[in-house]
Amino acid sequence: MIVKCTADSGGQRVAPDYGWTYLGPPEFELIPGREYEVYGFALFEKGPAYLVRNDDRDPEWYATSVFRVLDSEVPVGWRAGRGDGYELVLAYPELAASETAMAELVELRQVALRPFAREVQARTSALPVDATPPFDVLLELAEQFHQDHDLVADTPLGLIDDVYGGLDDEKQAIVAELDALFAAGMDDVVAHRIWLVEGGASYNPARDGLTCLEWLKQVRDHLAGVTR
């Protein structure tokens, strides 16, 4: 299902209490005229809404009045459900089956972002979810980028040097995982899922003008001693 944002400068978003909140710039993170994949439809007490991935890549429920439908085909695998505050939800199974999952997604809780990120990968990435190579070591790296990571080192790569200095086996393990992911066809959808959602890293490469994919390429080359 594809919709186009038709709002000029703002629109109604569903709040954590399932009420409406009007957002204008810069909080309104949709681009007028841009097309968006729909990941769910819900009939809240205040009205109908679509679940889309905003331009900061976070899931948000916006009133259907913000959009015009371009492709109304319902995605394969959607399920129906209902809960306190909404009469109907049509969405991927994890969301449709759980009131808790719905509340946690609106609140952008990490536990709800993970199944959403996997759904995004399944819908928009050329790399199937079940074909993604393991990335356990990479998650351990992401955990080093906690909320106070910028107090440990002046730069993100400097933090990696501080944490992994002298740990050659650990460095090689990270490089090996990244090489496997790149060889499998990792794109930015998958890189974003691994680094920011599954890994929960507090460092978002976007603050330095990088995508997650570009950042992970930098990490790989830095640990492998590649000079560009």
C-alpha atoms as a PDB file:
ATOM      1  CA  MET A   1       0.000   0.000   0.000  1.00  0.00           C
ATOM      2  CA  ILE A   2       1.434   3.371  -1.077  1.00  0.00           C
ATOM      3  CA  VAL A   3       0.275   6.853  -0.083  1.00  0.00           C
ATOM      4  CA  LYS A   4       1.460  10.347  -0.984  1.00  0.00           C
ATOM      5  CA  CYS A   5       1.728  13.132   1.576  1.00  0.00           C
ATOM      6  CA  THR A   6      -0.629  15.917   0.483  1.00  0.00           C
ATOM      7  CA  ALA A   7      -0.285  18.151   3.567  1.00  0.00           C
ATOM      8  CA  ASP A   8       1.513  21.410   2.849  1.00  0.00           C
ATOM      9  CA  SER A   9       3.150  22.004   6.199  1.00  0.00           C
ATOM     10  CA  GLY A  10       1.681  19.824   8.930  1.00  0.00           C
ATOM     11  CA  GLY A  11      -0.883  17.299  10.009  1.00  0.00           C
ATOM     12  CA  GLN A  12      -2.511  15.283  12.766  1.00  0.00           C
ATOM     13  CA  ARG A  13      -0.373  12.567  14.368  1.00  0.00           C
ATOM     14  CA  VAL A  14      -1.536   9.947  16.865  1.00  0.00           C
ATOM     15  CA  ALA A  15      -0.204  10.648  20.360  1.00  0.00           C
ATOM     16  CA  PRO A  16       0.714   8.047  23.038  1.00  0.00           C
ATOM     17  CA  ASP A  17      -2.767   8.388  24.556  1.00  0.00           C
ATOM     18  CA  TYR A  18      -4.198   7.791  21.051  1.00  0.00           C
ATOM     19  CA  GLY A  19      -5.440  11.357  20.803  1.00  0.00           C
ATOM     20  CA  TRP A  20      -4.511  13.676  17.941  1.00  0.00           C
ATOM     21  CA  THR A  21      -1.534  16.028  18.040  1.00  0.00           C
ATOM     22  CA  TYR A  22      -1.140  18.624  15.315  1.00  0.00           C
ATOM     23  CA  LEU A  23       2.455  18.860  14.135  1.00  0.00           C
ATOM     24  CA  GLY A  24       3.911  21.685  12.082  1.00  0.00           C
ATOM     25  CA  PRO A  25       7.518  22.219  10.952  1.00  0.00           C
ATOM     26  CA  PRO A  26      10.018  21.032  12.038  1.00  0.00           C
ATOM     27  CA  GLU A  27       8.251  18.310  14.064  1.00  0.00           C
ATOM     28  CA  PHE A  28       6.178  17.275  11.036  1.00  0.00           C
ATOM     29  CA  GLU A  29       8.649  14.823   9.529  1.00  0.00           C
ATOM     30  CA  LEU A  30       6.884  14.062   6.255  1.00  0.00           C
ATOM     31  CA  ILE A  31       7.712  15.688   2.928  1.00  0.00           C
ATOM     32  CA  PRO A  32       4.784  17.084   0.904  1.00  0.00           C
ATOM     33  CA  GLY A  33       4.532  15.190  -2.364  1.00  0.00           C
ATOM     34  CA  ARG A  34       6.670  12.252  -1.180  1.00  0.00           C
ATOM     35  CA  GLU A  35       5.362   8.693  -1.394  1.00  0.00           C
ATOM     36  CA  TYR A  36       5.334   6.451   1.684  1.00  0.00           C
ATOM     37  CA  GLU A  37       4.882   2.746   2.304  1.00  0.00           C
ATOM     38  CA  VAL A  38       1.983   2.007   4.651  1.00  0.00           C
ATOM     39  CA  TYR A  39       2.713  -0.481   7.444  1.00  0.00           C
ATOM     40  CA  GLY A  40      -0.692  -0.429   9.070  1.00  0.00           C
ATOM     41  CA  PHE A  41      -4.174   1.060   9.123  1.00  0.00           C
ATOM     42  CA  ALA A  42      -6.077   1.746  12.347  1.00  0.00           C
ATOM     43  CA  LEU A  43      -9.403   3.237  13.310  1.00  0.00           C
ATOM     44  CA  PHE A  44      -8.696   5.190  16.498  1.00  0.00           C
ATOM     45  CA  GLU A  45     -11.399   6.881  18.564  1.00  0.00           C
ATOM     46  CA  LYS A  46     -10.458  10.206  16.937  1.00  0.00           C
ATOM     47  CA  GLY A  47     -10.450   8.800  13.418  1.00  0.00           C
ATOM     48  CA  PRO A  48      -8.550   6.657  10.885  1.00  0.00           C
ATOM     49  CA  ALA A  49      -4.761   6.721  10.518  1.00  0.00           C
ATOM     50  CA  TYR A  50      -1.973   5.174   8.474  1.00  0.00           C
ATOM     51  CA  LEU A  51       1.290   3.878   9.930  1.00  0.00           C
ATOM     52  CA  VAL A  52       4.230   5.165   7.896  1.00  0.00           C
ATOM     53  CA  ARG A  53       7.981   5.508   8.308  1.00  0.00           C
ATOM     54  CA  ASN A  54       8.744   9.212   8.646  1.00  0.00           C
ATOM     55  CA  ASP A  55      11.790  10.946   7.222  1.00  0.00           C
ATOM     56  CA  ASP A  56      13.688  10.292  10.429  1.00  0.00           C
ATOM     57  CA  ARG A  57      12.893   6.589   9.784  1.00  0.00           C
ATOM     58  CA  ASP A  58      10.673   6.263  12.833  1.00  0.00           C
ATOM     59  CA  PRO A  59       7.183   4.729  12.708  1.00  0.00           C
ATOM     60  CA  GLU A  60       4.356   7.236  13.157  1.00  0.00           C
ATOM     61  CA  TRP A  61       0.573   7.051  12.876  1.00  0.00           C
ATOM     62  CA  TYR A  62      -0.787   9.996  10.879  1.00  0.00           C
ATOM     63  CA  ALA A  63      -4.395  10.848  10.092  1.00  0.00           C
ATOM     64  CA  THR A  64      -5.450   9.532   6.696  1.00  0.00           C
ATOM     65  CA  SER A  65      -6.331  13.129   5.742  1.00  0.00           C
ATOM     66  CA  VAL A  66      -2.578  13.810   5.472  1.00  0.00           C
ATOM     67  CA  PHE A  67      -2.321  11.461   2.480  1.00  0.00           C
ATOM     68  CA  ARG A  68      -3.726  10.477  -0.870  1.00  0.00           C
ATOM     69  CA  VAL A  69      -3.767   6.748  -1.637  1.00  0.00           C
ATOM     70  CA  LEU A  70      -1.783   5.794  -4.745  1.00  0.00           C
ATOM     71  CA  ASP A  71      -1.859   1.995  -4.382  1.00  0.00           C
ATOM     72  CA  SER A  72      -4.582   0.478  -2.202  1.00  0.00           C
ATOM     73  CA  GLU A  73      -3.412  -3.141  -2.388  1.00  0.00           C
ATOM     74  CA  VAL A  74      -3.277  -4.594   1.120  1.00  0.00           C
ATOM     75  CA  PRO A  75       0.102  -6.238   1.829  1.00  0.00           C
ATOM     76  CA  VAL A  76       0.212 -10.011   2.108  1.00  0.00           C
ATOM     77  CA  GLY A  77       0.315 -11.168   5.717  1.00  0.00           C
ATOM     78  CA  TRP A  78      -1.579  -8.324   7.347  1.00  0.00           C
ATOM     79  CA  ARG A  79      -3.818  -9.319  10.258  1.00  0.00           C
ATOM     80  CA  ALA A  80      -6.773  -7.643  11.983  1.00  0.00           C
ATOM     81  CA  GLY A  81      -7.035  -6.752  15.645  1.00  0.00           C
ATOM     82  CA  ARG A  82      -8.530  -4.280  18.094  1.00  0.00           C
ATOM     83  CA  GLY A  83      -7.736  -2.840  21.485  1.00  0.00           C
ATOM     84  CA  ASP A  84      -8.358  -0.156  24.048  1.00  0.00           C
ATOM     85  CA  GLY A  85      -8.370   3.173  22.168  1.00  0.00           C
ATOM     86  CA  TYR A  86      -8.767   1.740  18.674  1.00  0.00           C
ATOM     87  CA  GLU A  87     -11.667  -0.144  17.107  1.00  0.00           C
ATOM     88  CA  LEU A  88      -9.626  -1.811  14.363  1.00  0.00           C
ATOM     89  CA  VAL A  89      -6.039  -2.292  13.297  1.00  0.00           C
ATOM     90  CA  LEU A  90      -4.842  -3.942  10.087  1.00  0.00           C
ATOM     91  CA  ALA A  91      -1.102  -4.482  10.183  1.00  0.00           C
ATOM     92  CA  TYR A  92       1.756  -6.965  10.372  1.00  0.00           C
ATOM     93  CA  PRO A  93       0.996  -9.814  12.811  1.00  0.00           C
ATOM     94  CA  GLU A  94       3.051  -8.660  15.815  1.00  0.00           C
ATOM     95  CA  LEU A  95       1.279  -5.313  15.861  1.00  0.00           C
ATOM     96  CA  ALA A  96      -2.236  -6.538  15.127  1.00  0.00           C
ATOM     97  CA  ALA A  97      -2.115  -9.181  17.847  1.00  0.00           C
ATOM     98  CA  SER A  98      -1.061  -7.050  20.810  1.00  0.00           C
ATOM     99  CA  GLU A  99      -2.419  -3.943  22.534  1.00  0.00           C
ATOM    100  CA  THR A 100       0.924  -3.687  24.287  1.00  0.00           C
ATOM    101  CA  ALA A 101       2.801  -3.701  20.984  1.00  0.00           C
ATOM    102  CA  MET A 102       0.547  -0.928  19.672  1.00  0.00           C
ATOM    103  CA  ALA A 103       1.170   1.277  22.738  1.00  0.00           C
ATOM    104  CA  GLU A 104       4.908   0.601  22.676  1.00  0.00           C
ATOM    105  CA  LEU A 105       5.159   1.445  18.981  1.00  0.00           C
ATOM    106  CA  VAL A 106       3.410   4.805  19.423  1.00  0.00           C
ATOM    107  CA  GLU A 107       5.816   5.508  22.295  1.00  0.00           C
ATOM    108  CA  LEU A 108       8.777   4.443  20.101  1.00  0.00           C
ATOM    109  CA  ARG A 109       9.897   1.789  22.588  1.00  0.00           C
ATOM    110  CA  GLN A 110      12.874  -0.257  21.404  1.00  0.00           C
ATOM    111  CA  VAL A 111      11.027  -3.536  21.948  1.00  0.00           C
ATOM    112  CA  ALA A 112       8.369  -2.481  19.413  1.00  0.00           C
ATOM    113  CA  LEU A 113      10.809  -0.905  16.972  1.00  0.00           C
ATOM    114  CA  ARG A 114      12.536  -4.232  16.368  1.00  0.00           C
ATOM    115  CA  PRO A 115       9.608  -6.070  14.712  1.00  0.00           C
ATOM    116  CA  PHE A 116       8.774  -2.878  12.822  1.00  0.00           C
ATOM    117  CA  ALA A 117      12.352  -2.698  11.485  1.00  0.00           C
ATOM    118  CA  ARG A 118      12.160  -6.332  10.381  1.00  0.00           C
ATOM    119  CA  GLU A 119       8.881  -5.569   8.606  1.00  0.00           C
ATOM    120  CA  VAL A 120      10.525  -2.619   6.838  1.00  0.00           C
ATOM    121  CA  GLN A 121      13.377  -4.860   5.736  1.00  0.00           C
ATOM    122  CA  ALA A 122      10.958  -7.500   4.456  1.00  0.00           C
ATOM    123  CA  ARG A 123       9.024  -4.893   2.469  1.00  0.00           C
ATOM    124  CA  THR A 124      11.747  -2.577   1.137  1.00  0.00           C
ATOM    125  CA  SER A 125      15.109  -4.370   1.154  1.00  0.00           C
ATOM    126  CA  ALA A 126      16.501  -6.747  -1.447  1.00  0.00           C
ATOM    127  CA  LEU A 127      18.045  -8.751   1.419  1.00  0.00           C
ATOM    128  CA  PRO A 128      15.410 -11.068   2.943  1.00  0.00           C
ATOM    129  CA  VAL A 129      15.173 -11.049   6.719  1.00  0.00           C
ATOM    130  CA  ASP A 130      15.836 -14.787   6.956  1.00  0.00           C
ATOM    131  CA  ALA A 131      18.922 -14.424   4.730  1.00  0.00           C
ATOM    132  CA  THR A 132      20.608 -11.744   6.853  1.00  0.00           C
ATOM    133  CA  PRO A 133      23.938 -13.083   8.166  1.00  0.00           C
ATOM    134  CA  PRO A 134      24.490 -13.101  11.968  1.00  0.00           C
ATOM    135  CA  PHE A 135      25.583  -9.806  13.532  1.00  0.00           C
ATOM    136  CA  ASP A 136      26.029 -10.575  17.247  1.00  0.00           C
ATOM    137  CA  VAL A 137      29.525  -9.073  17.399  1.00  0.00           C
ATOM    138  CA  LEU A 138      28.309  -5.941  15.657  1.00  0.00           C
ATOM    139  CA  LEU A 139      25.601  -5.573  18.301  1.00  0.00           C
ATOM    140  CA  GLU A 140      28.296  -5.680  20.969  1.00  0.00           C
ATOM    141  CA  LEU A 141      30.026  -2.824  19.159  1.00  0.00           C
ATOM    142  CA  ALA A 142      26.788  -0.833  18.991  1.00  0.00           C
ATOM    143  CA  GLU A 143      26.353  -1.250  22.750  1.00  0.00           C
ATOM    144  CA  GLN A 144      29.597   0.673  23.293  1.00  0.00           C
ATOM    145  CA  PHE A 145      27.858   3.736  21.875  1.00  0.00           C
ATOM    146  CA  HIS A 146      25.758   4.395  24.970  1.00  0.00           C
ATOM    147  CA  GLN A 147      24.267   7.777  25.905  1.00  0.00           C
ATOM    148  CA  ASP A 148      27.574   9.091  27.235  1.00  0.00           C
ATOM    149  CA  HIS A 149      29.743   7.746  24.425  1.00  0.00           C
ATOM    150  CA  ASP A 150      30.819  11.251  23.382  1.00  0.00           C
ATOM    151  CA  LEU A 151      32.448  11.699  26.801  1.00  0.00           C
ATOM    152  CA  VAL A 152      34.710   8.704  26.194  1.00  0.00           C
ATOM    153  CA  ALA A 153      36.312   9.867  22.947  1.00  0.00           C
ATOM    154  CA  ASP A 154      36.264  12.900  20.662  1.00  0.00           C
ATOM    155  CA  THR A 155      35.105  10.966  17.595  1.00  0.00           C
ATOM    156  CA  PRO A 156      33.059   7.806  16.929  1.00  0.00           C
ATOM    157  CA  LEU A 157      36.046   6.040  15.371  1.00  0.00           C
ATOM    158  CA  GLY A 158      38.155   7.224  18.300  1.00  0.00           C
ATOM    159  CA  LEU A 159      35.750   5.471  20.654  1.00  0.00           C
ATOM    160  CA  ILE A 160      36.227   2.246  18.723  1.00  0.00           C
ATOM    161  CA  ASP A 161      39.999   2.647  19.034  1.00  0.00           C
ATOM    162  CA  ASP A 162      39.696   3.201  22.788  1.00  0.00           C
ATOM    163  CA  VAL A 163      37.441   0.193  23.346  1.00  0.00           C
ATOM    164  CA  TYR A 164      39.141  -2.258  21.004  1.00  0.00           C
ATOM    165  CA  GLY A 165      42.753  -1.151  21.316  1.00  0.00           C
ATOM    166  CA  GLY A 166      44.916  -4.280  21.380  1.00  0.00           C
ATOM    167  CA  LEU A 167      41.917  -6.588  20.890  1.00  0.00           C
ATOM    168  CA  ASP A 168      42.855  -7.863  17.453  1.00  0.00           C
ATOM    169  CA  ASP A 169      40.638 -10.950  17.555  1.00  0.00           C
ATOM    170  CA  GLU A 170      37.590  -8.825  18.386  1.00  0.00           C
ATOM    171  CA  LYS A 171      38.427  -6.399  15.570  1.00  0.00           C
ATOM    172  CA  GLN A 172      38.751  -9.267  13.103  1.00  0.00           C
ATOM    173  CA  ALA A 173      35.405 -10.675  14.240  1.00  0.00           C
ATOM    174  CA  ILE A 174      33.675  -7.338  13.551  1.00  0.00           C
ATOM    175  CA  VAL A 175      35.301  -7.089  10.123  1.00  0.00           C
ATOM    176  CA  ALA A 176      34.259 -10.672   9.325  1.00  0.00           C
ATOM    177  CA  GLU A 177      30.620  -9.977  10.242  1.00  0.00           C
ATOM    178  CA  LEU A 178      30.570  -6.792   8.199  1.00  0.00           C
ATOM    179  CA  ASP A 179      32.165  -8.532   5.217  1.00  0.00           C
ATOM    180  CA  ALA A 180      29.482 -11.224   5.375  1.00  0.00           C
ATOM    181  CA  LEU A 181      26.711  -8.598   5.561  1.00  0.00           C
ATOM    182  CA  PHE A 182      28.097  -6.603   2.648  1.00  0.00           C
ATOM    183  CA  ALA A 183      28.557  -9.771   0.591  1.00  0.00           C
ATOM    184  CA  ALA A 184      24.931 -10.730   1.288  1.00  0.00           C
ATOM    185  CA  GLY A 185      23.743  -7.377  -0.074  1.00  0.00           C
ATOM    186  CA  MET A 186      23.259  -5.238   3.026  1.00  0.00           C
ATOM    187  CA  ASP A 187      21.660  -1.905   2.122  1.00  0.00           C
ATOM    188  CA  ASP A 188      20.877   1.093   4.300  1.00  0.00           C
ATOM    189  CA  VAL A 189      17.534  -0.378   5.406  1.00  0.00           C
ATOM    190  CA  VAL A 190      19.340  -3.348   6.922  1.00  0.00           C
ATOM    191  CA  ALA A 191      22.232  -1.255   8.248  1.00  0.00           C
ATOM    192  CA  HIS A 192      19.783   1.075  10.006  1.00  0.00           C
ATOM    193  CA  ARG A 193      17.957  -1.881  11.517  1.00  0.00           C
ATOM    194  CA  ILE A 194      21.171  -3.458  12.827  1.00  0.00           C
ATOM    195  CA  TRP A 195      22.917  -0.354  14.146  1.00  0.00           C
ATOM    196  CA  LEU A 196      20.152   1.840  15.550  1.00  0.00           C
ATOM    197  CA  VAL A 197      17.264  -0.555  16.191  1.00  0.00           C
ATOM    198  CA  GLU A 198      18.667  -3.971  17.066  1.00  0.00           C
ATOM    199  CA  GLY A 199      21.894  -2.512  18.461  1.00  0.00           C
ATOM    200  CA  GLY A 200      20.267   0.525  20.065  1.00  0.00           C
ATOM    201  CA  ALA A 201      23.358   2.666  19.458  1.00  0.00           C
ATOM    202  CA  SER A 202      23.010   6.233  20.710  1.00  0.00           C
ATOM    203  CA  TYR A 203      25.299   7.433  17.934  1.00  0.00           C
ATOM    204  CA  ASN A 204      23.254   8.205  14.826  1.00  0.00           C
ATOM    205  CA  PRO A 205      25.604   8.646  11.830  1.00  0.00           C
ATOM    206  CA  ALA A 206      23.111  11.115  10.332  1.00  0.00           C
ATOM    207  CA  ARG A 207      24.445  13.784  12.696  1.00  0.00           C
ATOM    208  CA  ASP A 208      27.707  13.574  10.723  1.00  0.00           C
ATOM    209  CA  GLY A 209      25.984  13.466   7.342  1.00  0.00           C
ATOM    210  CA  LEU A 210      26.344   9.694   6.960  1.00  0.00           C
ATOM    211  CA  THR A 211      23.871   6.907   6.387  1.00  0.00           C
ATOM    212  CA  CYS A 212      24.162   3.844   8.601  1.00  0.00           C
ATOM    213  CA  LEU A 213      25.510   1.929   5.610  1.00  0.00           C
ATOM    214  CA  GLU A 214      28.242   4.509   4.993  1.00  0.00           C
ATOM    215  CA  TRP A 215      29.125   4.483   8.685  1.00  0.00           C
ATOM    216  CA  LEU A 216      29.470   0.708   8.818  1.00  0.00           C
ATOM    217  CA  LYS A 217      31.682   0.819   5.732  1.00  0.00           C
ATOM    218  CA  GLN A 218      33.869   3.331   7.558  1.00  0.00           C
ATOM    219  CA  VAL A 219      33.990   1.053  10.594  1.00  0.00           C
ATOM    220  CA  ARG A 220      34.948  -1.936   8.468  1.00  0.00           C
ATOM    221  CA  ASP A 221      37.738  -0.079   6.650  1.00  0.00           C
ATOM    222  CA  HIS A 222      39.026   1.529   9.855  1.00  0.00           C
ATOM    223  CA  LEU A 223      39.274  -1.781  11.688  1.00  0.00           C
ATOM    224  CA  ALA A 224      40.833  -3.465   8.668  1.00  0.00           C
ATOM    225  CA  GLY A 225      43.407  -0.692   8.313  1.00  0.00           C
ATOM    226  CA  VAL A 226      42.167   0.399   4.897  1.00  0.00           C
ATOM    227  CA  THR A 227      43.183   3.941   3.873  1.00  0.00           C
ATOM    228  CA  ARG A 228      41.027   5.836   1.386  1.00  0.00           C
END
